[in-house]
């Protein structure tokens, strides 16, 4: 649920943040 909200809010920004955190699973 949180993933969808984050993607809607900041899909591009979320990807960068997740990449920094090292979460490849969430960086769809």
PDB file of N, CA and C in Angstrom:
ATOM      1  N   UNK A   1       0.848  -1.203   0.000  1.00  0.00           N
ATOM      2  CA  UNK A   1       0.000   0.000   0.000  1.00  0.00           C
ATOM      3  C   UNK A   1       0.882   1.251   0.000  1.00  0.00           C
ATOM      4  N   UNK A   2       1.901   1.246   0.829  1.00  0.00           N
ATOM      5  CA  UNK A   2       2.795   2.419   0.902  1.00  0.00           C
ATOM      6  C   UNK A   2       3.553   2.576  -0.414  1.00  0.00           C
ATOM      7  N   UNK A   3       3.943   1.455  -1.003  1.00  0.00           N
ATOM      8  CA  UNK A   3       4.692   1.516  -2.261  1.00  0.00           C
ATOM      9  C   UNK A   3       3.886   2.243  -3.329  1.00  0.00           C
ATOM     10  N   UNK A   4       2.608   1.891  -3.448  1.00  0.00           N
ATOM     11  CA  UNK A   4       1.766   2.534  -4.472  1.00  0.00           C
ATOM     12  C   UNK A   4       1.651   4.031  -4.210  1.00  0.00           C
ATOM     13  N   UNK A   5       1.442   4.401  -2.956  1.00  0.00           N
ATOM     14  CA  UNK A   5       1.309   5.829  -2.628  1.00  0.00           C
ATOM     15  C   UNK A   5       2.598   6.562  -2.981  1.00  0.00           C
ATOM     16  N   UNK A   6       3.731   5.991  -2.609  1.00  0.00           N
ATOM     17  CA  UNK A   6       5.010   6.642  -2.889  1.00  0.00           C
ATOM     18  C   UNK A   6       5.206   6.771  -4.395  1.00  0.00           C
ATOM     19  N   UNK A   7       4.871   5.713  -5.127  1.00  0.00           N
ATOM     20  CA  UNK A   7       5.035   5.754  -6.581  1.00  0.00           C
ATOM     21  C   UNK A   7       4.181   6.870  -7.171  1.00  0.00           C
ATOM     22  N   UNK A   8       2.968   7.004  -6.693  1.00  0.00           N
ATOM     23  CA  UNK A   8       2.088   8.058  -7.216  1.00  0.00           C
ATOM     24  C   UNK A   8       2.642   9.434  -6.855  1.00  0.00           C
ATOM     25  N   UNK A   9       3.126   9.579  -5.635  1.00  0.00           N
ATOM     26  CA  UNK A   9       3.647  10.881  -5.203  1.00  0.00           C
ATOM     27  C   UNK A   9       4.956  11.215  -5.922  1.00  0.00           C
ATOM     28  N   UNK A  10       5.927  10.330  -5.802  1.00  0.00           N
ATOM     29  CA  UNK A  10       7.236  10.587  -6.440  1.00  0.00           C
ATOM     30  C   UNK A  10       7.780   9.287  -7.008  1.00  0.00           C
ATOM     31  N   UNK A  11       7.367   8.959  -8.216  1.00  0.00           N
ATOM     32  CA  UNK A  11       7.842   7.719  -8.827  1.00  0.00           C
ATOM     33  C   UNK A  11       9.338   7.817  -9.114  1.00  0.00           C
ATOM     34  N   UNK A  12       9.756   8.915  -9.716  1.00  0.00           N
ATOM     35  CA  UNK A  12      11.177   9.071 -10.040  1.00  0.00           C
ATOM     36  C   UNK A  12      12.003   9.250  -8.770  1.00  0.00           C
ATOM     37  N   UNK A  13      11.527  10.116  -7.894  1.00  0.00           N
ATOM     38  CA  UNK A  13      12.284  10.389  -6.673  1.00  0.00           C
ATOM     39  C   UNK A  13      12.368   9.125  -5.817  1.00  0.00           C
ATOM     40  N   UNK A  14      11.276   8.382  -5.758  1.00  0.00           N
ATOM     41  CA  UNK A  14      11.257   7.155  -4.967  1.00  0.00           C
ATOM     42  C   UNK A  14      12.336   6.190  -5.466  1.00  0.00           C
ATOM     43  N   UNK A  15      12.445   6.092  -6.780  1.00  0.00           N
ATOM     44  CA  UNK A  15      13.435   5.174  -7.342  1.00  0.00           C
ATOM     45  C   UNK A  15      14.832   5.528  -6.845  1.00  0.00           C
ATOM     46  N   UNK A  16      15.162   6.818  -6.867  1.00  0.00           N
ATOM     47  CA  UNK A  16      16.490   7.256  -6.435  1.00  0.00           C
ATOM     48  C   UNK A  16      16.694   6.938  -4.957  1.00  0.00           C
ATOM     49  N   UNK A  17      15.700   7.264  -4.152  1.00  0.00           N
ATOM     50  CA  UNK A  17      15.819   7.028  -2.708  1.00  0.00           C
ATOM     51  C   UNK A  17      15.984   5.543  -2.433  1.00  0.00           C
ATOM     52  N   UNK A  18      15.185   4.718  -3.108  1.00  0.00           N
ATOM     53  CA  UNK A  18      15.262   3.281  -2.883  1.00  0.00           C
ATOM     54  C   UNK A  18      16.616   2.756  -3.339  1.00  0.00           C
ATOM     55  N   UNK A  19      17.122   3.295  -4.452  1.00  0.00           N
ATOM     56  CA  UNK A  19      18.427   2.859  -4.940  1.00  0.00           C
ATOM     57  C   UNK A  19      19.489   3.162  -3.897  1.00  0.00           C
ATOM     58  N   UNK A  20      19.409   4.325  -3.279  1.00  0.00           N
ATOM     59  CA  UNK A  20      20.378   4.696  -2.251  1.00  0.00           C
ATOM     60  C   UNK A  20      20.264   3.745  -1.063  1.00  0.00           C
ATOM     61  N   UNK A  21      19.028   3.398  -0.692  1.00  0.00           N
ATOM     62  CA  UNK A  21      18.824   2.501   0.448  1.00  0.00           C
ATOM     63  C   UNK A  21      19.240   1.075   0.095  1.00  0.00           C
ATOM     64  N   UNK A  22      19.231   0.766  -1.193  1.00  0.00           N
ATOM     65  CA  UNK A  22      19.621  -0.586  -1.618  1.00  0.00           C
ATOM     66  C   UNK A  22      18.425  -1.515  -1.685  1.00  0.00           C
ATOM     67  N   UNK A  23      17.234  -0.973  -1.911  1.00  0.00           N
ATOM     68  CA  UNK A  23      16.033  -1.811  -2.005  1.00  0.00           C
ATOM     69  C   UNK A  23      15.696  -2.043  -3.471  1.00  0.00           C
ATOM     70  N   UNK A  24      16.272  -3.070  -4.052  1.00  0.00           N
ATOM     71  CA  UNK A  24      16.030  -3.356  -5.464  1.00  0.00           C
ATOM     72  C   UNK A  24      14.620  -3.879  -5.682  1.00  0.00           C
ATOM     73  N   UNK A  25      14.073  -4.538  -4.681  1.00  0.00           N
ATOM     74  CA  UNK A  25      12.743  -5.122  -4.830  1.00  0.00           C
ATOM     75  C   UNK A  25      11.687  -4.041  -4.980  1.00  0.00           C
ATOM     76  N   UNK A  26      11.872  -2.936  -4.270  1.00  0.00           N
ATOM     77  CA  UNK A  26      10.870  -1.869  -4.321  1.00  0.00           C
ATOM     78  C   UNK A  26      11.155  -0.920  -5.475  1.00  0.00           C
ATOM     79  N   UNK A  27      12.366  -0.965  -6.025  1.00  0.00           N
ATOM     80  CA  UNK A  27      12.703  -0.060  -7.129  1.00  0.00           C
ATOM     81  C   UNK A  27      12.220  -0.672  -8.434  1.00  0.00           C
ATOM     82  N   UNK A  28      10.912  -0.743  -8.611  1.00  0.00           N
ATOM     83  CA  UNK A  28      10.349  -1.348  -9.823  1.00  0.00           C
ATOM     84  C   UNK A  28      10.396  -0.328 -10.948  1.00  0.00           C
TER      85      UNK A  28
END
